[in-house]
Amino acid sequence: MFTRSVKFILASAFFAASVGSAFADAANDEKMKKLATNAGCFTCHAVSGKGTIAPGTDKPIGPAWLDVAKMYGGKPGAADFLTRVVLEGSNPYSSHWKNKVTGVAMPPNTAAISETDARSLVFWILSMK
């Protein structure tokens, strides 16, 4: 009887922690999506899928963030590199997204997003699965 009670308590605690974590994740997702919307990120990017298709092409303007997470997730220095790209823009001539997106350079965004917010957004993107 005692072991059954302990198992029930442990299972309940695990469930409560999981649900709490899911709510926290959902709240952070909404916060990051709002941040991205306010910074204009969704003009070119999407969380998944193709996102905004460039006129006259069948390619998205910028890569979907799930694709970014797949390419950079777990790589040393990825968060610093991507934060720098968000803030300073990208070079379309050295694009590792060649033939996957339009090749339009990402513009500098220091007027649209702070370094702290850019870093938070990048960590959120890299956490996607």
N, C-alpha and C. Protein backbone atom coordinates (compact mmCIF):
# COMPACT_ATOMS: atom_id res chain seq x y z
N MET A 1 0.82 -1.18 0.00
CA MET A 1 0.00 0.00 0.00
C MET A 1 0.87 1.25 0.00
N PHE A 2 1.92 1.23 0.84
CA PHE A 2 2.80 2.39 0.94
C PHE A 2 3.50 2.66 -0.39
N THR A 3 4.03 1.59 -1.04
CA THR A 3 4.72 1.79 -2.31
C THR A 3 3.77 2.29 -3.39
N ARG A 4 2.53 1.86 -3.36
CA ARG A 4 1.55 2.34 -4.32
C ARG A 4 1.32 3.84 -4.12
N SER A 5 1.25 4.28 -2.88
CA SER A 5 1.06 5.71 -2.58
C SER A 5 2.26 6.52 -3.03
N VAL A 6 3.45 5.99 -2.79
CA VAL A 6 4.67 6.69 -3.20
C VAL A 6 4.72 6.80 -4.72
N LYS A 7 4.38 5.71 -5.41
CA LYS A 7 4.37 5.73 -6.87
C LYS A 7 3.35 6.75 -7.38
N PHE A 8 2.18 6.80 -6.75
CA PHE A 8 1.15 7.75 -7.16
C PHE A 8 1.64 9.19 -6.95
N ILE A 9 2.26 9.44 -5.82
CA ILE A 9 2.77 10.78 -5.52
C ILE A 9 3.85 11.18 -6.52
N LEU A 10 4.77 10.25 -6.79
CA LEU A 10 5.84 10.55 -7.75
C LEU A 10 5.28 10.78 -9.15
N ALA A 11 4.33 9.96 -9.56
CA ALA A 11 3.71 10.13 -10.87
C ALA A 11 2.97 11.46 -10.95
N SER A 12 2.27 11.81 -9.89
CA SER A 12 1.54 13.09 -9.85
C SER A 12 2.50 14.27 -9.92
N ALA A 13 3.60 14.18 -9.20
CA ALA A 13 4.59 15.25 -9.21
C ALA A 13 5.21 15.40 -10.60
N PHE A 14 5.52 14.28 -11.24
CA PHE A 14 6.08 14.31 -12.58
C PHE A 14 5.09 14.94 -13.56
N PHE A 15 3.83 14.54 -13.47
CA PHE A 15 2.79 15.09 -14.34
C PHE A 15 2.65 16.59 -14.12
N ALA A 16 2.62 17.02 -12.88
CA ALA A 16 2.48 18.44 -12.56
C ALA A 16 3.66 19.23 -13.11
N ALA A 17 4.86 18.68 -12.98
CA ALA A 17 6.05 19.36 -13.50
C ALA A 17 5.99 19.45 -15.01
N SER A 18 5.53 18.39 -15.67
CA SER A 18 5.42 18.38 -17.12
C SER A 18 4.41 19.41 -17.60
N VAL A 19 3.26 19.45 -16.96
CA VAL A 19 2.22 20.40 -17.33
C VAL A 19 2.70 21.82 -17.09
N GLY A 20 3.34 22.04 -15.95
CA GLY A 20 3.88 23.37 -15.65
C GLY A 20 4.90 23.80 -16.68
N SER A 21 5.76 22.87 -17.09
CA SER A 21 6.76 23.16 -18.10
C SER A 21 6.11 23.47 -19.44
N ALA A 22 5.06 22.73 -19.79
CA ALA A 22 4.35 22.97 -21.05
C ALA A 22 3.73 24.36 -21.06
N PHE A 23 3.14 24.76 -19.93
CA PHE A 23 2.55 26.10 -19.86
C PHE A 23 3.64 27.16 -19.96
N ALA A 24 4.77 26.93 -19.31
CA ALA A 24 5.88 27.89 -19.38
C ALA A 24 6.40 27.99 -20.81
N ASP A 25 6.53 26.83 -21.49
CA ASP A 25 6.98 26.83 -22.88
C ASP A 25 6.00 27.57 -23.77
N ALA A 26 4.71 27.33 -23.57
CA ALA A 26 3.68 28.01 -24.38
C ALA A 26 3.72 29.51 -24.14
N ALA A 27 3.91 29.91 -22.91
CA ALA A 27 3.98 31.35 -22.59
C ALA A 27 5.21 31.96 -23.25
N ASN A 28 6.34 31.26 -23.21
CA ASN A 28 7.55 31.76 -23.85
C ASN A 28 7.40 31.80 -25.37
N ASP A 29 6.74 30.78 -25.94
CA ASP A 29 6.48 30.78 -27.39
C ASP A 29 5.71 32.03 -27.78
N GLU A 30 4.66 32.33 -27.04
CA GLU A 30 3.85 33.52 -27.35
C GLU A 30 4.67 34.79 -27.20
N LYS A 31 5.49 34.85 -26.17
CA LYS A 31 6.34 36.02 -25.94
C LYS A 31 7.32 36.20 -27.10
N MET A 32 7.94 35.11 -27.55
CA MET A 32 8.91 35.19 -28.64
C MET A 32 8.24 35.51 -29.97
N LYS A 33 7.06 34.95 -30.20
CA LYS A 33 6.33 35.26 -31.44
C LYS A 33 5.92 36.73 -31.48
N LYS A 34 5.53 37.27 -30.34
CA LYS A 34 5.18 38.69 -30.26
C LYS A 34 6.42 39.55 -30.52
N LEU A 35 7.53 39.17 -29.92
CA LEU A 35 8.78 39.89 -30.13
C LEU A 35 9.16 39.86 -31.62
N ALA A 36 9.07 38.69 -32.24
CA ALA A 36 9.40 38.56 -33.66
C ALA A 36 8.45 39.37 -34.54
N THR A 37 7.18 39.38 -34.19
CA THR A 37 6.20 40.17 -34.94
C THR A 37 6.54 41.65 -34.84
N ASN A 38 6.79 42.12 -33.63
CA ASN A 38 7.11 43.53 -33.42
C ASN A 38 8.41 43.95 -34.10
N ALA A 39 9.35 43.04 -34.22
CA ALA A 39 10.64 43.35 -34.85
C ALA A 39 10.58 43.20 -36.37
N GLY A 40 9.46 42.67 -36.90
CA GLY A 40 9.31 42.52 -38.34
C GLY A 40 9.90 41.24 -38.91
N CYS A 41 10.25 40.29 -38.07
CA CYS A 41 10.90 39.06 -38.52
C CYS A 41 10.03 38.24 -39.47
N PHE A 42 8.71 38.24 -39.22
CA PHE A 42 7.82 37.40 -40.02
C PHE A 42 7.57 37.98 -41.41
N THR A 43 8.18 39.13 -41.71
CA THR A 43 8.12 39.66 -43.07
C THR A 43 8.85 38.71 -44.02
N CYS A 44 9.90 38.09 -43.53
CA CYS A 44 10.72 37.20 -44.36
C CYS A 44 10.78 35.76 -43.86
N HIS A 45 10.59 35.55 -42.58
CA HIS A 45 10.75 34.23 -41.97
C HIS A 45 9.41 33.67 -41.51
N ALA A 46 9.39 32.36 -41.32
CA ALA A 46 8.27 31.65 -40.70
C ALA A 46 8.87 30.70 -39.67
N VAL A 47 8.04 30.24 -38.77
CA VAL A 47 8.52 29.25 -37.81
C VAL A 47 8.80 27.95 -38.55
N SER A 48 7.89 27.55 -39.42
CA SER A 48 8.08 26.34 -40.22
C SER A 48 7.48 26.56 -41.60
N GLY A 49 7.72 25.63 -42.49
CA GLY A 49 7.16 25.76 -43.83
C GLY A 49 7.94 26.76 -44.67
N LYS A 50 7.28 27.29 -45.68
CA LYS A 50 7.96 28.21 -46.60
C LYS A 50 7.92 29.66 -46.17
N GLY A 51 6.93 30.07 -45.42
CA GLY A 51 6.87 31.47 -45.02
C GLY A 51 6.53 32.38 -46.18
N THR A 52 7.09 33.57 -46.20
CA THR A 52 6.80 34.56 -47.23
C THR A 52 7.57 34.22 -48.50
N ILE A 53 6.82 33.97 -49.58
CA ILE A 53 7.43 33.64 -50.87
C ILE A 53 7.78 34.94 -51.58
N ALA A 54 8.99 35.02 -52.11
CA ALA A 54 9.42 36.21 -52.83
C ALA A 54 8.67 36.31 -54.15
N PRO A 55 8.28 37.51 -54.54
CA PRO A 55 7.57 37.70 -55.81
C PRO A 55 8.39 37.15 -56.98
N GLY A 56 7.72 36.44 -57.87
CA GLY A 56 8.35 35.90 -59.06
C GLY A 56 9.20 34.66 -58.82
N THR A 57 9.13 34.09 -57.62
CA THR A 57 9.90 32.87 -57.33
C THR A 57 9.00 31.87 -56.60
N ASP A 58 9.54 30.72 -56.36
CA ASP A 58 8.84 29.75 -55.52
C ASP A 58 9.60 29.54 -54.21
N LYS A 59 10.51 30.47 -53.91
CA LYS A 59 11.36 30.34 -52.73
C LYS A 59 10.99 31.37 -51.67
N PRO A 60 11.17 30.99 -50.42
CA PRO A 60 10.93 31.97 -49.34
C PRO A 60 12.03 33.02 -49.32
N ILE A 61 11.70 34.17 -48.76
CA ILE A 61 12.69 35.24 -48.64
C ILE A 61 13.79 34.82 -47.66
N GLY A 62 13.40 34.30 -46.51
CA GLY A 62 14.36 33.84 -45.51
C GLY A 62 14.03 32.43 -45.06
N PRO A 63 14.98 31.74 -44.46
CA PRO A 63 14.72 30.36 -44.03
C PRO A 63 13.75 30.29 -42.86
N ALA A 64 13.00 29.19 -42.83
CA ALA A 64 12.12 28.92 -41.68
C ALA A 64 13.00 28.64 -40.47
N TRP A 65 12.50 29.04 -39.31
CA TRP A 65 13.31 28.90 -38.10
C TRP A 65 13.54 27.45 -37.70
N LEU A 66 12.63 26.55 -38.04
CA LEU A 66 12.89 25.13 -37.76
C LEU A 66 14.10 24.66 -38.57
N ASP A 67 14.23 25.17 -39.80
CA ASP A 67 15.40 24.82 -40.62
C ASP A 67 16.68 25.42 -40.03
N VAL A 68 16.58 26.63 -39.51
CA VAL A 68 17.73 27.26 -38.85
C VAL A 68 18.15 26.42 -37.64
N ALA A 69 17.15 25.98 -36.86
CA ALA A 69 17.44 25.15 -35.68
C ALA A 69 18.11 23.84 -36.08
N LYS A 70 17.65 23.24 -37.18
CA LYS A 70 18.26 21.98 -37.64
C LYS A 70 19.70 22.20 -38.09
N MET A 71 19.94 23.33 -38.77
CA MET A 71 21.28 23.59 -39.29
C MET A 71 22.27 23.97 -38.18
N TYR A 72 21.82 24.73 -37.20
CA TYR A 72 22.74 25.28 -36.21
C TYR A 72 22.62 24.68 -34.81
N GLY A 73 21.54 23.98 -34.53
CA GLY A 73 21.32 23.45 -33.18
C GLY A 73 22.49 22.61 -32.69
N GLY A 74 23.00 22.92 -31.51
CA GLY A 74 24.08 22.16 -30.91
C GLY A 74 25.48 22.52 -31.39
N LYS A 75 25.59 23.43 -32.36
CA LYS A 75 26.92 23.80 -32.86
C LYS A 75 27.54 24.87 -31.97
N PRO A 76 28.80 24.71 -31.62
CA PRO A 76 29.47 25.72 -30.79
C PRO A 76 29.48 27.08 -31.49
N GLY A 77 29.16 28.12 -30.75
CA GLY A 77 29.18 29.47 -31.29
C GLY A 77 27.97 29.86 -32.10
N ALA A 78 27.02 28.95 -32.27
CA ALA A 78 25.86 29.23 -33.12
C ALA A 78 25.04 30.41 -32.60
N ALA A 79 24.81 30.46 -31.31
CA ALA A 79 23.99 31.55 -30.76
C ALA A 79 24.64 32.90 -30.98
N ASP A 80 25.95 32.98 -30.78
CA ASP A 80 26.66 34.25 -31.01
C ASP A 80 26.62 34.64 -32.49
N PHE A 81 26.88 33.67 -33.36
CA PHE A 81 26.87 33.93 -34.80
C PHE A 81 25.49 34.41 -35.25
N LEU A 82 24.44 33.70 -34.86
CA LEU A 82 23.10 34.06 -35.30
C LEU A 82 22.63 35.39 -34.70
N THR A 83 23.02 35.66 -33.48
CA THR A 83 22.68 36.96 -32.88
C THR A 83 23.33 38.08 -33.68
N ARG A 84 24.57 37.87 -34.09
CA ARG A 84 25.27 38.86 -34.91
C ARG A 84 24.58 39.04 -36.26
N VAL A 85 24.12 37.94 -36.87
CA VAL A 85 23.41 38.02 -38.14
C VAL A 85 22.10 38.80 -37.97
N VAL A 86 21.37 38.53 -36.90
CA VAL A 86 20.12 39.25 -36.65
C VAL A 86 20.40 40.75 -36.53
N LEU A 87 21.43 41.11 -35.81
CA LEU A 87 21.71 42.53 -35.56
C LEU A 87 22.39 43.22 -36.72
N GLU A 88 23.35 42.55 -37.37
CA GLU A 88 24.17 43.20 -38.39
C GLU A 88 23.77 42.85 -39.82
N GLY A 89 22.92 41.85 -40.00
CA GLY A 89 22.52 41.43 -41.34
C GLY A 89 23.42 40.32 -41.86
N SER A 90 23.14 39.88 -43.08
CA SER A 90 23.90 38.78 -43.66
C SER A 90 24.43 39.16 -45.04
N ASN A 91 25.37 38.38 -45.51
CA ASN A 91 25.96 38.56 -46.82
C ASN A 91 25.35 37.54 -47.77
N PRO A 92 24.60 37.99 -48.79
CA PRO A 92 23.94 37.03 -49.68
C PRO A 92 24.91 36.25 -50.56
N TYR A 93 26.14 36.73 -50.70
CA TYR A 93 27.10 36.07 -51.57
C TYR A 93 27.81 34.90 -50.89
N SER A 94 27.70 34.80 -49.60
CA SER A 94 28.29 33.66 -48.90
C SER A 94 27.19 32.85 -48.22
N SER A 95 26.04 32.83 -48.86
CA SER A 95 24.87 32.21 -48.25
C SER A 95 24.97 30.69 -48.20
N HIS A 96 24.83 30.16 -47.01
CA HIS A 96 24.76 28.71 -46.83
C HIS A 96 23.33 28.23 -47.09
N TRP A 97 22.45 29.16 -47.41
CA TRP A 97 21.06 28.81 -47.74
C TRP A 97 20.85 28.85 -49.26
N LYS A 98 21.95 28.86 -50.03
CA LYS A 98 21.88 28.98 -51.48
C LYS A 98 20.93 27.93 -52.07
N ASN A 99 20.10 28.40 -52.97
CA ASN A 99 19.09 27.60 -53.68
C ASN A 99 17.95 27.12 -52.78
N LYS A 100 17.96 27.53 -51.51
CA LYS A 100 16.86 27.17 -50.61
C LYS A 100 15.98 28.37 -50.32
N VAL A 101 16.58 29.56 -50.38
CA VAL A 101 15.85 30.81 -50.20
C VAL A 101 16.25 31.73 -51.35
N THR A 102 15.67 32.93 -51.41
CA THR A 102 15.91 33.82 -52.54
C THR A 102 17.34 34.32 -52.65
N GLY A 103 18.06 34.38 -51.57
CA GLY A 103 19.42 34.92 -51.61
C GLY A 103 19.48 36.39 -51.30
N VAL A 104 18.35 36.98 -50.94
CA VAL A 104 18.32 38.37 -50.53
C VAL A 104 19.00 38.49 -49.17
N ALA A 105 19.86 39.48 -49.03
CA ALA A 105 20.56 39.66 -47.76
C ALA A 105 19.60 40.04 -46.66
N MET A 106 19.86 39.51 -45.47
CA MET A 106 19.09 39.94 -44.31
C MET A 106 19.63 41.30 -43.89
N PRO A 107 18.75 42.29 -43.76
CA PRO A 107 19.23 43.63 -43.41
C PRO A 107 19.62 43.72 -41.93
N PRO A 108 20.44 44.72 -41.59
CA PRO A 108 20.72 44.96 -40.18
C PRO A 108 19.43 45.31 -39.44
N ASN A 109 19.32 44.88 -38.22
CA ASN A 109 18.07 45.07 -37.47
C ASN A 109 18.26 45.76 -36.12
N THR A 110 19.37 46.47 -35.94
CA THR A 110 19.62 47.09 -34.64
C THR A 110 18.58 48.14 -34.27
N ALA A 111 17.90 48.70 -35.27
CA ALA A 111 16.83 49.67 -34.97
C ALA A 111 15.54 48.97 -34.56
N ALA A 112 15.40 47.70 -34.93
CA ALA A 112 14.15 46.97 -34.68
C ALA A 112 14.18 46.10 -33.44
N ILE A 113 15.38 45.69 -33.01
CA ILE A 113 15.47 44.74 -31.89
C ILE A 113 16.76 44.99 -31.12
N SER A 114 16.68 44.89 -29.82
CA SER A 114 17.87 45.06 -28.97
C SER A 114 18.72 43.80 -29.02
N GLU A 115 19.97 43.92 -28.61
CA GLU A 115 20.85 42.75 -28.58
C GLU A 115 20.31 41.69 -27.61
N THR A 116 19.79 42.13 -26.48
CA THR A 116 19.24 41.19 -25.49
C THR A 116 18.05 40.44 -26.07
N ASP A 117 17.15 41.16 -26.74
CA ASP A 117 15.98 40.50 -27.34
C ASP A 117 16.39 39.62 -28.51
N ALA A 118 17.36 40.06 -29.30
CA ALA A 118 17.85 39.24 -30.42
C ALA A 118 18.42 37.93 -29.90
N ARG A 119 19.21 38.00 -28.83
CA ARG A 119 19.80 36.79 -28.25
C ARG A 119 18.71 35.86 -27.71
N SER A 120 17.70 36.42 -27.05
CA SER A 120 16.59 35.60 -26.54
C SER A 120 15.87 34.92 -27.69
N LEU A 121 15.63 35.65 -28.76
CA LEU A 121 14.96 35.09 -29.93
C LEU A 121 15.80 33.97 -30.55
N VAL A 122 17.09 34.18 -30.67
CA VAL A 122 17.98 33.17 -31.23
C VAL A 122 17.99 31.91 -30.36
N PHE A 123 18.08 32.05 -29.05
CA PHE A 123 18.04 30.87 -28.17
C PHE A 123 16.73 30.13 -28.33
N TRP A 124 15.62 30.86 -28.48
CA TRP A 124 14.32 30.23 -28.68
C TRP A 124 14.31 29.47 -30.00
N ILE A 125 14.82 30.09 -31.06
CA ILE A 125 14.87 29.42 -32.37
C ILE A 125 15.72 28.16 -32.28
N LEU A 126 16.88 28.24 -31.65
CA LEU A 126 17.76 27.07 -31.55
C LEU A 126 17.17 25.95 -30.70
N SER A 127 16.20 26.28 -29.86
CA SER A 127 15.57 25.25 -29.02
C SER A 127 14.46 24.50 -29.75
N MET A 128 14.11 24.95 -30.95
CA MET A 128 13.01 24.32 -31.69
C MET A 128 13.39 22.92 -32.14
N LYS A 129 12.35 22.07 -32.19
CA LYS A 129 12.56 20.70 -32.66
C LYS A 129 11.55 20.38 -33.73
